[in-house]
Amino acid sequence: MAWYRNLSRREFIKTAAAAAVLSGAAACTGSRSPWRFLKVEEARTLAAMCDRIIPPDADSPGAEWASVVNYIDIQLCGPFQYLQDKYRDGIASLERTSQKQFGKAFAALEDAQQTQMLAALEKNDAPKELWTSVSAGEFFEMVLPHTMQGYYGDPRHGGNRERASWKMLGLPYPPVRGRFRNES
């Protein structure tokens, strides 16, 4: 007789739930990284890039504080899973370009240097030999809307920490349909 036939329904559900959690965690988590998909260095580079796309100002936090990279990381283990290779290659290519042009990691550059590099990426004007599987322009055009989604989207998806962009825009917290339904 199989071992699982001796389990009570409650034990079976607990075992199945634990197996599901462990298999999901192993599939999309680095060994010691706080991120699901990204490596720590990749997250640092992506955070600097996103913070140049939506920089902080005197009144509002930027993309990095608003947890945009967390949003992207979560989505890369879900709906954006098909973009994992492009993100990994794009971030590596951005780092190679930064090292070649400035001798530093992208996150260590001055704001003006980062902005200059992103303007070149947007125009697809980067050393072609450093951008192999994804072009600079394609990478920029992929990160840009994901940054916007993470900054302006619903915080329940991992970004827009403390509803930062909604507060900036003066928007109230939108109720989720059915949440405040009258049960009478």
C-alpha atoms as a PDB file:
ATOM      1  CA  MET A   1       0.000   0.000   0.000  1.00  0.00           C
ATOM      2  CA  ALA A   2       1.271   3.475  -0.862  1.00  0.00           C
ATOM      3  CA  TRP A   3       2.397   5.699   2.026  1.00  0.00           C
ATOM      4  CA  TYR A   4      -0.020   8.484   1.134  1.00  0.00           C
ATOM      5  CA  ARG A   5      -3.071   6.263   1.606  1.00  0.00           C
ATOM      6  CA  ASN A   6      -2.436   6.226   5.366  1.00  0.00           C
ATOM      7  CA  LEU A   7      -2.608  10.026   5.600  1.00  0.00           C
ATOM      8  CA  SER A   8      -5.676  11.730   6.924  1.00  0.00           C
ATOM      9  CA  ARG A   9      -7.236  14.322   4.654  1.00  0.00           C
ATOM     10  CA  ARG A  10      -5.782  17.094   6.853  1.00  0.00           C
ATOM     11  CA  GLU A  11      -2.262  15.590   6.721  1.00  0.00           C
ATOM     12  CA  PHE A  12      -2.532  15.139   2.970  1.00  0.00           C
ATOM     13  CA  ILE A  13      -3.545  18.794   2.460  1.00  0.00           C
ATOM     14  CA  LYS A  14      -0.733  20.018   4.715  1.00  0.00           C
ATOM     15  CA  THR A  15       1.808  17.885   2.835  1.00  0.00           C
ATOM     16  CA  ALA A  16       0.504  18.980  -0.565  1.00  0.00           C
ATOM     17  CA  ALA A  17       0.531  22.659   0.445  1.00  0.00           C
ATOM     18  CA  ALA A  18       4.095  22.412   1.747  1.00  0.00           C
ATOM     19  CA  ALA A  19       5.228  20.703  -1.450  1.00  0.00           C
ATOM     20  CA  ALA A  20       3.572  23.387  -3.587  1.00  0.00           C
ATOM     21  CA  VAL A  21       5.215  26.193  -1.621  1.00  0.00           C
ATOM     22  CA  LEU A  22       8.644  24.564  -1.743  1.00  0.00           C
ATOM     23  CA  SER A  23       8.477  23.782  -5.459  1.00  0.00           C
ATOM     24  CA  GLY A  24       7.377  27.338  -6.287  1.00  0.00           C
ATOM     25  CA  ALA A  25      10.112  28.835  -4.149  1.00  0.00           C
ATOM     26  CA  ALA A  26      12.796  26.640  -5.656  1.00  0.00           C
ATOM     27  CA  ALA A  27      11.707  27.418  -9.192  1.00  0.00           C
ATOM     28  CA  CYS A  28      12.088  31.166  -8.994  1.00  0.00           C
ATOM     29  CA  THR A  29      14.355  32.035  -6.072  1.00  0.00           C
ATOM     30  CA  GLY A  30      18.084  32.441  -5.806  1.00  0.00           C
ATOM     31  CA  SER A  31      19.757  30.595  -2.972  1.00  0.00           C
ATOM     32  CA  ARG A  32      20.490  33.623  -0.759  1.00  0.00           C
ATOM     33  CA  SER A  33      18.820  36.427  -2.637  1.00  0.00           C
ATOM     34  CA  PRO A  34      15.890  38.380  -1.199  1.00  0.00           C
ATOM     35  CA  TRP A  35      14.541  38.416  -4.761  1.00  0.00           C
ATOM     36  CA  ARG A  36      12.462  35.764  -6.465  1.00  0.00           C
ATOM     37  CA  PHE A  37      14.184  35.883  -9.855  1.00  0.00           C
ATOM     38  CA  LEU A  38      16.750  38.665  -9.856  1.00  0.00           C
ATOM     39  CA  LYS A  39      20.200  38.409  -8.362  1.00  0.00           C
ATOM     40  CA  VAL A  40      21.112  41.122  -5.848  1.00  0.00           C
ATOM     41  CA  GLU A  41      23.451  42.868  -8.303  1.00  0.00           C
ATOM     42  CA  GLU A  42      20.826  42.729 -11.065  1.00  0.00           C
ATOM     43  CA  ALA A  43      18.205  44.216  -8.742  1.00  0.00           C
ATOM     44  CA  ARG A  44      20.602  47.039  -7.816  1.00  0.00           C
ATOM     45  CA  THR A  45      21.220  47.848 -11.489  1.00  0.00           C
ATOM     46  CA  LEU A  46      17.534  47.647 -12.365  1.00  0.00           C
ATOM     47  CA  ALA A  47      16.629  49.856  -9.368  1.00  0.00           C
ATOM     48  CA  ALA A  48      19.069  52.523 -10.554  1.00  0.00           C
ATOM     49  CA  MET A  49      17.615  52.325 -14.062  1.00  0.00           C
ATOM     50  CA  CYS A  50      14.011  52.562 -12.837  1.00  0.00           C
ATOM     51  CA  ASP A  51      14.933  55.459 -10.541  1.00  0.00           C
ATOM     52  CA  ARG A  52      16.257  57.397 -13.539  1.00  0.00           C
ATOM     53  CA  ILE A  53      13.020  56.702 -15.416  1.00  0.00           C
ATOM     54  CA  ILE A  54      10.941  57.921 -12.436  1.00  0.00           C
ATOM     55  CA  PRO A  55      13.340  59.899 -10.251  1.00  0.00           C
ATOM     56  CA  PRO A  56      12.501  61.145  -6.773  1.00  0.00           C
ATOM     57  CA  ASP A  57      11.822  64.838  -6.293  1.00  0.00           C
ATOM     58  CA  ALA A  58      11.177  67.121  -3.322  1.00  0.00           C
ATOM     59  CA  ASP A  59       7.535  66.006  -3.035  1.00  0.00           C
ATOM     60  CA  SER A  60       7.452  62.387  -4.186  1.00  0.00           C
ATOM     61  CA  PRO A  61       9.612  59.292  -3.966  1.00  0.00           C
ATOM     62  CA  GLY A  62      11.086  57.715  -7.065  1.00  0.00           C
ATOM     63  CA  ALA A  63      10.704  54.264  -8.529  1.00  0.00           C
ATOM     64  CA  GLU A  64      13.304  52.661  -6.291  1.00  0.00           C
ATOM     65  CA  TRP A  65      11.587  53.700  -3.053  1.00  0.00           C
ATOM     66  CA  ALA A  66       8.186  52.747  -4.463  1.00  0.00           C
ATOM     67  CA  SER A  67       9.385  49.118  -4.866  1.00  0.00           C
ATOM     68  CA  VAL A  68       9.146  49.037  -8.658  1.00  0.00           C
ATOM     69  CA  VAL A  69      11.902  46.417  -8.825  1.00  0.00           C
ATOM     70  CA  ASN A  70       9.926  44.237  -6.428  1.00  0.00           C
ATOM     71  CA  TYR A  71       6.952  44.475  -8.798  1.00  0.00           C
ATOM     72  CA  ILE A  72       9.112  43.528 -11.806  1.00  0.00           C
ATOM     73  CA  ASP A  73      10.751  40.673  -9.893  1.00  0.00           C
ATOM     74  CA  ILE A  74       7.353  39.243  -8.905  1.00  0.00           C
ATOM     75  CA  GLN A  75       6.056  39.533 -12.455  1.00  0.00           C
ATOM     76  CA  LEU A  76       9.178  37.809 -13.838  1.00  0.00           C
ATOM     77  CA  CYS A  77       8.094  34.731 -11.888  1.00  0.00           C
ATOM     78  CA  GLY A  78       4.548  35.036 -13.188  1.00  0.00           C
ATOM     79  CA  PRO A  79       3.096  36.753 -16.255  1.00  0.00           C
ATOM     80  CA  PHE A  80       6.488  38.098 -17.462  1.00  0.00           C
ATOM     81  CA  GLN A  81       8.242  34.748 -17.083  1.00  0.00           C
ATOM     82  CA  TYR A  82       8.856  34.610 -20.828  1.00  0.00           C
ATOM     83  CA  LEU A  83      10.987  37.787 -20.449  1.00  0.00           C
ATOM     84  CA  GLN A  84      13.419  36.359 -17.894  1.00  0.00           C
ATOM     85  CA  ASP A  85      16.245  35.811 -20.389  1.00  0.00           C
ATOM     86  CA  LYS A  86      15.779  39.266 -21.903  1.00  0.00           C
ATOM     87  CA  TYR A  87      15.926  40.908 -18.478  1.00  0.00           C
ATOM     88  CA  ARG A  88      18.972  38.934 -17.420  1.00  0.00           C
ATOM     89  CA  ASP A  89      20.797  39.631 -20.712  1.00  0.00           C
ATOM     90  CA  GLY A  90      19.692  43.269 -20.853  1.00  0.00           C
ATOM     91  CA  ILE A  91      20.901  44.022 -17.342  1.00  0.00           C
ATOM     92  CA  ALA A  92      24.235  42.301 -18.063  1.00  0.00           C
ATOM     93  CA  SER A  93      24.600  44.286 -21.293  1.00  0.00           C
ATOM     94  CA  LEU A  94      23.805  47.529 -19.467  1.00  0.00           C
ATOM     95  CA  GLU A  95      26.538  46.717 -16.951  1.00  0.00           C
ATOM     96  CA  ARG A  96      29.065  45.922 -19.704  1.00  0.00           C
ATOM     97  CA  THR A  97      28.210  49.196 -21.447  1.00  0.00           C
ATOM     98  CA  SER A  98      28.585  51.154 -18.220  1.00  0.00           C
ATOM     99  CA  GLN A  99      31.950  49.532 -17.483  1.00  0.00           C
ATOM    100  CA  LYS A 100      33.183  50.252 -21.004  1.00  0.00           C
ATOM    101  CA  GLN A 101      32.060  53.889 -21.058  1.00  0.00           C
ATOM    102  CA  PHE A 102      32.670  54.949 -17.449  1.00  0.00           C
ATOM    103  CA  GLY A 103      34.653  52.160 -15.757  1.00  0.00           C
ATOM    104  CA  LYS A 104      31.950  51.733 -13.092  1.00  0.00           C
ATOM    105  CA  ALA A 105      28.820  49.747 -12.412  1.00  0.00           C
ATOM    106  CA  PHE A 106      25.659  51.474 -13.649  1.00  0.00           C
ATOM    107  CA  ALA A 107      24.313  51.928 -10.099  1.00  0.00           C
ATOM    108  CA  ALA A 108      27.564  53.682  -9.089  1.00  0.00           C
ATOM    109  CA  LEU A 109      27.360  56.301 -11.848  1.00  0.00           C
ATOM    110  CA  GLU A 110      26.332  59.904 -11.260  1.00  0.00           C
ATOM    111  CA  ASP A 111      22.706  60.689 -12.079  1.00  0.00           C
ATOM    112  CA  ALA A 112      23.708  62.638 -15.201  1.00  0.00           C
ATOM    113  CA  GLN A 113      25.789  59.707 -16.485  1.00  0.00           C
ATOM    114  CA  GLN A 114      22.920  57.273 -15.881  1.00  0.00           C
ATOM    115  CA  THR A 115      20.520  59.598 -17.695  1.00  0.00           C
ATOM    116  CA  GLN A 116      22.978  59.897 -20.592  1.00  0.00           C
ATOM    117  CA  MET A 117      23.235  56.108 -20.861  1.00  0.00           C
ATOM    118  CA  LEU A 118      19.454  55.630 -20.740  1.00  0.00           C
ATOM    119  CA  ALA A 119      18.967  58.271 -23.443  1.00  0.00           C
ATOM    120  CA  ALA A 120      21.398  56.293 -25.613  1.00  0.00           C
ATOM    121  CA  LEU A 121      19.569  53.041 -24.862  1.00  0.00           C
ATOM    122  CA  GLU A 122      16.247  54.612 -25.791  1.00  0.00           C
ATOM    123  CA  LYS A 123      17.710  55.588 -29.184  1.00  0.00           C
ATOM    124  CA  ASN A 124      19.253  52.108 -29.507  1.00  0.00           C
ATOM    125  CA  ASP A 125      22.611  53.884 -29.638  1.00  0.00           C
ATOM    126  CA  ALA A 126      24.803  51.515 -27.644  1.00  0.00           C
ATOM    127  CA  PRO A 127      27.815  49.402 -28.646  1.00  0.00           C
ATOM    128  CA  LYS A 128      26.206  46.577 -30.654  1.00  0.00           C
ATOM    129  CA  GLU A 129      28.921  44.091 -29.676  1.00  0.00           C
ATOM    130  CA  LEU A 130      27.875  44.441 -26.012  1.00  0.00           C
ATOM    131  CA  TRP A 131      24.182  43.869 -26.731  1.00  0.00           C
ATOM    132  CA  THR A 132      23.841  40.382 -28.153  1.00  0.00           C
ATOM    133  CA  SER A 133      20.505  38.678 -27.445  1.00  0.00           C
ATOM    134  CA  VAL A 134      18.450  41.823 -26.796  1.00  0.00           C
ATOM    135  CA  SER A 135      19.101  45.244 -28.333  1.00  0.00           C
ATOM    136  CA  ALA A 136      19.567  48.311 -26.153  1.00  0.00           C
ATOM    137  CA  GLY A 137      16.413  49.883 -27.548  1.00  0.00           C
ATOM    138  CA  GLU A 138      14.365  46.727 -27.054  1.00  0.00           C
ATOM    139  CA  PHE A 139      15.553  46.433 -23.451  1.00  0.00           C
ATOM    140  CA  PHE A 140      14.683  50.058 -22.701  1.00  0.00           C
ATOM    141  CA  GLU A 141      11.258  49.694 -24.330  1.00  0.00           C
ATOM    142  CA  MET A 142      10.628  46.607 -22.197  1.00  0.00           C
ATOM    143  CA  VAL A 143      11.685  48.148 -18.859  1.00  0.00           C
ATOM    144  CA  LEU A 144       9.900  51.478 -19.396  1.00  0.00           C
ATOM    145  CA  PRO A 145       6.274  50.220 -19.259  1.00  0.00           C
ATOM    146  CA  HIS A 146       7.107  47.751 -16.484  1.00  0.00           C
ATOM    147  CA  THR A 147       8.503  50.643 -14.447  1.00  0.00           C
ATOM    148  CA  MET A 148       5.315  52.623 -15.044  1.00  0.00           C
ATOM    149  CA  GLN A 149       3.154  49.632 -14.106  1.00  0.00           C
ATOM    150  CA  GLY A 150       5.100  49.089 -10.903  1.00  0.00           C
ATOM    151  CA  TYR A 151       4.944  52.755  -9.948  1.00  0.00           C
ATOM    152  CA  TYR A 152       1.337  53.554 -10.818  1.00  0.00           C
ATOM    153  CA  GLY A 153      -0.295  50.136 -10.376  1.00  0.00           C
ATOM    154  CA  ASP A 154      -2.080  48.633  -7.422  1.00  0.00           C
ATOM    155  CA  PRO A 155       0.281  47.991  -4.472  1.00  0.00           C
ATOM    156  CA  ARG A 156      -1.094  44.465  -4.091  1.00  0.00           C
ATOM    157  CA  HIS A 157       1.020  43.530  -7.141  1.00  0.00           C
ATOM    158  CA  GLY A 158       4.279  44.398  -5.370  1.00  0.00           C
ATOM    159  CA  GLY A 159       4.990  47.995  -6.419  1.00  0.00           C
ATOM    160  CA  ASN A 160       3.648  51.467  -5.615  1.00  0.00           C
ATOM    161  CA  ARG A 161       4.759  51.124  -2.004  1.00  0.00           C
ATOM    162  CA  GLU A 162       2.417  52.900   0.389  1.00  0.00           C
ATOM    163  CA  ARG A 163       0.467  54.075  -2.686  1.00  0.00           C
ATOM    164  CA  ALA A 164       3.179  56.668  -3.334  1.00  0.00           C
ATOM    165  CA  SER A 165       2.087  57.546  -6.866  1.00  0.00           C
ATOM    166  CA  TRP A 166      -1.586  57.699  -5.914  1.00  0.00           C
ATOM    167  CA  LYS A 167      -0.769  60.121  -3.090  1.00  0.00           C
ATOM    168  CA  MET A 168       1.338  62.184  -5.499  1.00  0.00           C
ATOM    169  CA  LEU A 169      -1.603  62.385  -7.903  1.00  0.00           C
ATOM    170  CA  GLY A 170      -4.117  63.007  -5.113  1.00  0.00           C
ATOM    171  CA  LEU A 171      -6.057  59.825  -5.847  1.00  0.00           C
ATOM    172  CA  PRO A 172      -8.014  58.045  -3.117  1.00  0.00           C
ATOM    173  CA  TYR A 173      -7.416  54.376  -2.547  1.00  0.00           C
ATOM    174  CA  PRO A 174      -9.787  52.708  -5.000  1.00  0.00           C
ATOM    175  CA  PRO A 175     -12.020  50.078  -3.435  1.00  0.00           C
ATOM    176  CA  VAL A 176     -11.848  46.564  -4.832  1.00  0.00           C
ATOM    177  CA  ARG A 177     -15.155  45.506  -6.355  1.00  0.00           C
ATOM    178  CA  GLY A 178     -17.248  43.511  -3.947  1.00  0.00           C
ATOM    179  CA  ARG A 179     -15.157  44.371  -0.895  1.00  0.00           C
ATOM    180  CA  PHE A 180     -17.662  46.807   0.617  1.00  0.00           C
ATOM    181  CA  ARG A 181     -20.764  45.072  -0.621  1.00  0.00           C
ATOM    182  CA  ASN A 182     -23.840  45.248   1.597  1.00  0.00           C
ATOM    183  CA  GLU A 183     -24.633  41.702   2.676  1.00  0.00           C
ATOM    184  CA  SER A 184     -28.332  42.319   3.469  1.00  0.00           C
END
